[in-house]
Amino acid sequence: MGPVKSLWAMVQGDPVFMRRVNGWLAVVWILMIPISLMMGWLDSVVYVSALSLWALVSGHWSAWQAARVEVAQLEDAKKREKEDLVAEVVAALLARTNVEPATPTVPDHDRARSQGG
């Protein structure tokens, strides 16, 4: 059961893979509509029950995935609220620069006046 759980965890953590799987499953079920009509399977209680169960499971699966995304987005928003970006930028600037008072300098035009020019 260990490899199955690790495969399941890997699949759940990969949204691109899940999007592709769900896309192909949608295509398969769309193709099954005319096949079901031509074969007369829609008259079968077992077939319609299986379709209903699949719809129920896939609907709950989708809602669960959407809820997982919402929870992750909420956690990210809370994390961003706690971050003080301005303080981090100021701290980084202070760490990189040397803050000392500037030495007073006399501008060139003032120096010329003081020398009598």
N, C-alpha and C. Protein backbone atom coordinates (compact mmCIF):
# COMPACT_ATOMS: atom_id res chain seq x y z
N MET A 1 0.82 -1.20 0.00
CA MET A 1 0.00 0.00 0.00
C MET A 1 0.86 1.26 0.00
N GLY A 2 2.14 1.16 0.40
CA GLY A 2 3.04 2.31 0.45
C GLY A 2 3.24 2.97 -0.89
N PRO A 3 3.55 2.21 -1.96
CA PRO A 3 3.74 2.84 -3.26
C PRO A 3 2.47 3.51 -3.80
N VAL A 4 1.33 2.94 -3.48
CA VAL A 4 0.08 3.53 -3.94
C VAL A 4 -0.14 4.87 -3.25
N LYS A 5 0.15 4.94 -1.95
CA LYS A 5 -0.01 6.21 -1.22
C LYS A 5 0.96 7.27 -1.73
N SER A 6 2.20 6.87 -2.03
CA SER A 6 3.16 7.85 -2.53
C SER A 6 2.77 8.33 -3.93
N LEU A 7 2.25 7.42 -4.75
CA LEU A 7 1.78 7.82 -6.08
C LEU A 7 0.59 8.76 -5.96
N TRP A 8 -0.31 8.45 -5.04
CA TRP A 8 -1.48 9.29 -4.80
C TRP A 8 -1.06 10.68 -4.34
N ALA A 9 -0.09 10.75 -3.43
CA ALA A 9 0.38 12.05 -2.94
C ALA A 9 1.04 12.84 -4.06
N MET A 10 1.81 12.15 -4.92
CA MET A 10 2.47 12.83 -6.03
C MET A 10 1.43 13.39 -7.01
N VAL A 11 0.41 12.60 -7.32
CA VAL A 11 -0.62 13.02 -8.25
C VAL A 11 -1.39 14.20 -7.68
N GLN A 12 -1.69 14.17 -6.39
CA GLN A 12 -2.46 15.24 -5.77
C GLN A 12 -1.66 16.55 -5.73
N GLY A 13 -0.35 16.44 -5.63
CA GLY A 13 0.47 17.64 -5.54
C GLY A 13 0.79 18.26 -6.88
N ASP A 14 0.37 17.64 -7.98
CA ASP A 14 0.70 18.13 -9.31
C ASP A 14 -0.57 18.63 -10.01
N PRO A 15 -0.84 19.94 -9.95
CA PRO A 15 -2.08 20.44 -10.54
C PRO A 15 -2.13 20.29 -12.06
N VAL A 16 -0.97 20.33 -12.72
CA VAL A 16 -0.97 20.18 -14.18
C VAL A 16 -1.43 18.78 -14.56
N PHE A 17 -0.91 17.78 -13.86
CA PHE A 17 -1.31 16.40 -14.12
C PHE A 17 -2.81 16.22 -13.87
N MET A 18 -3.29 16.77 -12.75
CA MET A 18 -4.71 16.62 -12.43
C MET A 18 -5.59 17.32 -13.48
N ARG A 19 -5.15 18.46 -13.98
CA ARG A 19 -5.91 19.16 -15.01
C ARG A 19 -5.97 18.33 -16.28
N ARG A 20 -4.85 17.71 -16.64
CA ARG A 20 -4.84 16.87 -17.85
C ARG A 20 -5.72 15.65 -17.68
N VAL A 21 -5.65 15.00 -16.53
CA VAL A 21 -6.48 13.82 -16.29
C VAL A 21 -7.95 14.20 -16.37
N ASN A 22 -8.33 15.27 -15.70
CA ASN A 22 -9.73 15.69 -15.73
C ASN A 22 -10.17 16.09 -17.13
N GLY A 23 -9.28 16.70 -17.89
CA GLY A 23 -9.61 17.06 -19.27
C GLY A 23 -9.87 15.83 -20.13
N TRP A 24 -8.99 14.83 -20.02
CA TRP A 24 -9.17 13.60 -20.80
C TRP A 24 -10.40 12.82 -20.36
N LEU A 25 -10.68 12.81 -19.05
CA LEU A 25 -11.90 12.14 -18.58
C LEU A 25 -13.15 12.83 -19.13
N ALA A 26 -13.12 14.15 -19.21
CA ALA A 26 -14.25 14.89 -19.79
C ALA A 26 -14.44 14.51 -21.25
N VAL A 27 -13.33 14.41 -22.00
CA VAL A 27 -13.41 14.03 -23.41
C VAL A 27 -13.99 12.63 -23.55
N VAL A 28 -13.53 11.71 -22.70
CA VAL A 28 -14.02 10.33 -22.76
C VAL A 28 -15.53 10.29 -22.51
N TRP A 29 -15.98 11.01 -21.50
CA TRP A 29 -17.41 10.98 -21.19
C TRP A 29 -18.24 11.67 -22.26
N ILE A 30 -17.70 12.68 -22.91
CA ILE A 30 -18.41 13.32 -24.02
C ILE A 30 -18.54 12.33 -25.18
N LEU A 31 -17.48 11.58 -25.44
CA LEU A 31 -17.54 10.57 -26.50
C LEU A 31 -18.48 9.42 -26.13
N MET A 32 -18.66 9.18 -24.85
CA MET A 32 -19.55 8.10 -24.41
C MET A 32 -21.02 8.42 -24.63
N ILE A 33 -21.38 9.68 -24.79
CA ILE A 33 -22.79 10.05 -24.97
C ILE A 33 -23.38 9.40 -26.22
N PRO A 34 -22.79 9.63 -27.41
CA PRO A 34 -23.39 8.98 -28.59
C PRO A 34 -23.26 7.45 -28.56
N ILE A 35 -22.17 6.96 -27.97
CA ILE A 35 -21.99 5.50 -27.88
C ILE A 35 -23.10 4.90 -27.01
N SER A 36 -23.38 5.56 -25.90
CA SER A 36 -24.43 5.09 -25.00
C SER A 36 -25.79 5.10 -25.68
N LEU A 37 -26.05 6.13 -26.45
CA LEU A 37 -27.32 6.21 -27.17
C LEU A 37 -27.44 5.11 -28.22
N MET A 38 -26.36 4.91 -29.01
CA MET A 38 -26.41 3.91 -30.08
C MET A 38 -26.51 2.49 -29.53
N MET A 39 -25.85 2.23 -28.42
CA MET A 39 -25.84 0.87 -27.86
C MET A 39 -27.08 0.59 -27.01
N GLY A 40 -27.87 1.62 -26.73
CA GLY A 40 -29.07 1.42 -25.93
C GLY A 40 -28.78 1.25 -24.45
N TRP A 41 -27.61 1.68 -24.01
CA TRP A 41 -27.23 1.51 -22.61
C TRP A 41 -28.04 2.41 -21.68
N LEU A 42 -28.61 3.48 -22.21
CA LEU A 42 -29.38 4.38 -21.36
C LEU A 42 -30.67 3.74 -20.85
N ASP A 43 -31.05 2.64 -21.44
CA ASP A 43 -32.21 1.90 -20.95
C ASP A 43 -31.84 0.97 -19.79
N SER A 44 -30.55 0.81 -19.53
CA SER A 44 -30.09 -0.08 -18.47
C SER A 44 -30.02 0.67 -17.15
N VAL A 45 -30.70 0.13 -16.15
CA VAL A 45 -30.69 0.74 -14.83
C VAL A 45 -29.27 0.70 -14.24
N VAL A 46 -28.56 -0.37 -14.48
CA VAL A 46 -27.20 -0.50 -13.96
C VAL A 46 -26.29 0.58 -14.55
N TYR A 47 -26.39 0.76 -15.86
CA TYR A 47 -25.55 1.77 -16.53
C TYR A 47 -25.88 3.17 -16.03
N VAL A 48 -27.16 3.50 -15.94
CA VAL A 48 -27.55 4.84 -15.48
C VAL A 48 -27.15 5.02 -14.02
N SER A 49 -27.24 3.96 -13.21
CA SER A 49 -26.81 4.05 -11.82
C SER A 49 -25.31 4.29 -11.74
N ALA A 50 -24.55 3.61 -12.58
CA ALA A 50 -23.09 3.81 -12.60
C ALA A 50 -22.76 5.25 -13.01
N LEU A 51 -23.47 5.78 -14.00
CA LEU A 51 -23.25 7.16 -14.41
C LEU A 51 -23.58 8.12 -13.27
N SER A 52 -24.66 7.86 -12.57
CA SER A 52 -25.06 8.72 -11.46
C SER A 52 -24.01 8.69 -10.35
N LEU A 53 -23.51 7.51 -10.05
CA LEU A 53 -22.47 7.41 -9.03
C LEU A 53 -21.21 8.14 -9.46
N TRP A 54 -20.84 7.98 -10.74
CA TRP A 54 -19.66 8.69 -11.24
C TRP A 54 -19.86 10.20 -11.14
N ALA A 55 -21.05 10.69 -11.49
CA ALA A 55 -21.33 12.12 -11.41
C ALA A 55 -21.24 12.60 -9.96
N LEU A 56 -21.76 11.80 -9.04
CA LEU A 56 -21.72 12.16 -7.63
C LEU A 56 -20.28 12.23 -7.13
N VAL A 57 -19.49 11.20 -7.43
CA VAL A 57 -18.10 11.15 -6.98
C VAL A 57 -17.29 12.28 -7.61
N SER A 58 -17.42 12.47 -8.91
CA SER A 58 -16.61 13.52 -9.57
C SER A 58 -17.02 14.91 -9.10
N GLY A 59 -18.30 15.12 -8.81
CA GLY A 59 -18.74 16.41 -8.29
C GLY A 59 -18.16 16.70 -6.93
N HIS A 60 -18.19 15.69 -6.06
CA HIS A 60 -17.60 15.88 -4.73
C HIS A 60 -16.09 16.05 -4.81
N TRP A 61 -15.45 15.31 -5.72
CA TRP A 61 -14.01 15.43 -5.92
C TRP A 61 -13.67 16.86 -6.34
N SER A 62 -14.42 17.40 -7.27
CA SER A 62 -14.16 18.76 -7.75
C SER A 62 -14.35 19.79 -6.64
N ALA A 63 -15.41 19.62 -5.87
CA ALA A 63 -15.65 20.55 -4.77
C ALA A 63 -14.53 20.48 -3.74
N TRP A 64 -14.05 19.27 -3.47
CA TRP A 64 -12.96 19.10 -2.52
C TRP A 64 -11.69 19.76 -3.03
N GLN A 65 -11.38 19.59 -4.31
CA GLN A 65 -10.19 20.22 -4.89
C GLN A 65 -10.31 21.74 -4.84
N ALA A 66 -11.49 22.26 -5.12
CA ALA A 66 -11.69 23.71 -5.06
C ALA A 66 -11.51 24.22 -3.63
N ALA A 67 -12.00 23.46 -2.67
CA ALA A 67 -11.84 23.87 -1.27
C ALA A 67 -10.37 23.85 -0.87
N ARG A 68 -9.61 22.88 -1.35
CA ARG A 68 -8.17 22.83 -1.06
C ARG A 68 -7.48 24.08 -1.60
N VAL A 69 -7.84 24.49 -2.80
CA VAL A 69 -7.24 25.68 -3.41
C VAL A 69 -7.60 26.92 -2.59
N GLU A 70 -8.85 27.02 -2.17
CA GLU A 70 -9.27 28.17 -1.37
C GLU A 70 -8.52 28.24 -0.05
N VAL A 71 -8.32 27.09 0.58
CA VAL A 71 -7.58 27.06 1.85
C VAL A 71 -6.14 27.50 1.62
N ALA A 72 -5.52 27.02 0.56
CA ALA A 72 -4.13 27.41 0.27
C ALA A 72 -4.04 28.91 -0.02
N GLN A 73 -5.02 29.45 -0.75
CA GLN A 73 -5.01 30.87 -1.04
C GLN A 73 -5.20 31.69 0.23
N LEU A 74 -6.06 31.23 1.12
CA LEU A 74 -6.28 31.93 2.38
C LEU A 74 -5.03 31.92 3.23
N GLU A 75 -4.33 30.78 3.29
CA GLU A 75 -3.08 30.70 4.05
C GLU A 75 -2.03 31.64 3.46
N ASP A 76 -1.94 31.71 2.14
CA ASP A 76 -0.99 32.63 1.50
C ASP A 76 -1.33 34.08 1.82
N ALA A 77 -2.61 34.42 1.81
CA ALA A 77 -3.02 35.79 2.11
C ALA A 77 -2.68 36.15 3.55
N LYS A 78 -2.92 35.23 4.48
CA LYS A 78 -2.58 35.49 5.88
C LYS A 78 -1.08 35.65 6.05
N LYS A 79 -0.32 34.84 5.34
CA LYS A 79 1.15 34.91 5.41
C LYS A 79 1.63 36.26 4.89
N ARG A 80 1.03 36.74 3.78
CA ARG A 80 1.42 38.03 3.22
C ARG A 80 1.06 39.18 4.15
N GLU A 81 -0.06 39.05 4.87
CA GLU A 81 -0.45 40.10 5.81
C GLU A 81 0.55 40.21 6.95
N LYS A 82 1.11 39.10 7.37
CA LYS A 82 2.06 39.10 8.48
C LYS A 82 3.42 39.65 8.06
N GLU A 83 3.73 39.56 6.78
CA GLU A 83 5.02 40.05 6.30
C GLU A 83 5.01 41.58 6.28
N ASP A 84 6.11 42.15 6.72
CA ASP A 84 6.26 43.60 6.67
C ASP A 84 7.30 43.91 5.60
N LEU A 85 6.85 44.05 4.38
CA LEU A 85 7.75 44.21 3.25
C LEU A 85 8.58 45.49 3.37
N VAL A 86 7.98 46.56 3.83
CA VAL A 86 8.71 47.84 3.95
C VAL A 86 9.85 47.69 4.94
N ALA A 87 9.59 47.07 6.08
CA ALA A 87 10.64 46.89 7.09
C ALA A 87 11.75 45.99 6.56
N GLU A 88 11.39 44.99 5.78
CA GLU A 88 12.40 44.10 5.21
C GLU A 88 13.29 44.85 4.22
N VAL A 89 12.69 45.70 3.40
CA VAL A 89 13.47 46.48 2.42
C VAL A 89 14.40 47.45 3.14
N VAL A 90 13.89 48.14 4.16
CA VAL A 90 14.71 49.08 4.92
C VAL A 90 15.86 48.35 5.61
N ALA A 91 15.58 47.21 6.21
CA ALA A 91 16.63 46.43 6.87
C ALA A 91 17.69 45.99 5.86
N ALA A 92 17.27 45.58 4.68
CA ALA A 92 18.24 45.17 3.66
C ALA A 92 19.08 46.35 3.20
N LEU A 93 18.46 47.53 3.03
CA LEU A 93 19.22 48.72 2.64
C LEU A 93 20.21 49.13 3.72
N LEU A 94 19.79 49.09 4.97
CA LEU A 94 20.69 49.44 6.07
C LEU A 94 21.85 48.46 6.16
N ALA A 95 21.59 47.22 5.89
CA ALA A 95 22.66 46.22 5.95
C ALA A 95 23.68 46.42 4.83
N ARG A 96 23.25 46.96 3.70
CA ARG A 96 24.14 47.13 2.55
C ARG A 96 24.84 48.49 2.51
N THR A 97 24.32 49.45 3.23
CA THR A 97 24.88 50.79 3.14
C THR A 97 25.49 51.20 4.47
N ASN A 98 26.34 52.22 4.39
CA ASN A 98 26.98 52.77 5.57
C ASN A 98 26.35 54.14 5.81
N VAL A 99 25.60 54.29 6.86
CA VAL A 99 24.90 55.54 7.13
C VAL A 99 25.74 56.34 8.11
N GLU A 100 26.38 57.41 7.60
CA GLU A 100 27.19 58.31 8.41
C GLU A 100 26.86 59.73 7.99
N PRO A 101 27.05 60.68 8.90
CA PRO A 101 26.78 62.06 8.49
C PRO A 101 27.77 62.51 7.42
N ALA A 102 27.30 63.29 6.51
CA ALA A 102 28.14 63.78 5.43
C ALA A 102 29.08 64.85 5.96
N THR A 103 30.30 64.89 5.42
CA THR A 103 31.23 65.94 5.81
C THR A 103 30.83 67.22 5.08
N PRO A 104 30.82 68.33 5.82
CA PRO A 104 30.39 69.58 5.17
C PRO A 104 31.40 70.00 4.11
N THR A 105 30.90 70.31 2.96
CA THR A 105 31.77 70.79 1.88
C THR A 105 31.29 72.17 1.47
N VAL A 106 32.24 72.96 1.00
CA VAL A 106 31.92 74.31 0.55
C VAL A 106 31.76 74.26 -0.95
N PRO A 107 30.62 74.69 -1.46
CA PRO A 107 30.43 74.69 -2.92
C PRO A 107 31.46 75.58 -3.60
N ASP A 108 31.73 75.32 -4.86
CA ASP A 108 32.75 76.06 -5.63
C ASP A 108 32.48 77.56 -5.70
N HIS A 109 31.26 77.95 -5.85
CA HIS A 109 30.98 79.37 -5.98
C HIS A 109 31.22 80.09 -4.64
N ASP A 110 30.96 79.40 -3.50
CA ASP A 110 31.24 80.00 -2.21
C ASP A 110 32.75 80.07 -1.96
N ARG A 111 33.50 79.09 -2.42
CA ARG A 111 34.94 79.06 -2.23
C ARG A 111 35.59 80.23 -2.99
N ALA A 112 35.08 80.55 -4.17
CA ALA A 112 35.62 81.65 -4.95
C ALA A 112 35.39 83.00 -4.25
N ARG A 113 34.23 83.15 -3.59
CA ARG A 113 33.94 84.39 -2.87
C ARG A 113 34.84 84.55 -1.65
N SER A 114 35.08 83.43 -0.95
CA SER A 114 35.88 83.54 0.26
C SER A 114 37.35 83.81 -0.08
N GLN A 115 37.80 83.52 -1.30
CA GLN A 115 39.17 83.77 -1.67
C GLN A 115 39.35 85.16 -2.29
N GLY A 116 38.26 85.86 -2.29
CA GLY A 116 38.34 87.24 -2.76
C GLY A 116 38.18 87.37 -4.27
N GLY A 117 37.60 86.40 -4.90
CA GLY A 117 37.51 86.42 -6.34
C GLY A 117 36.29 86.90 -6.87
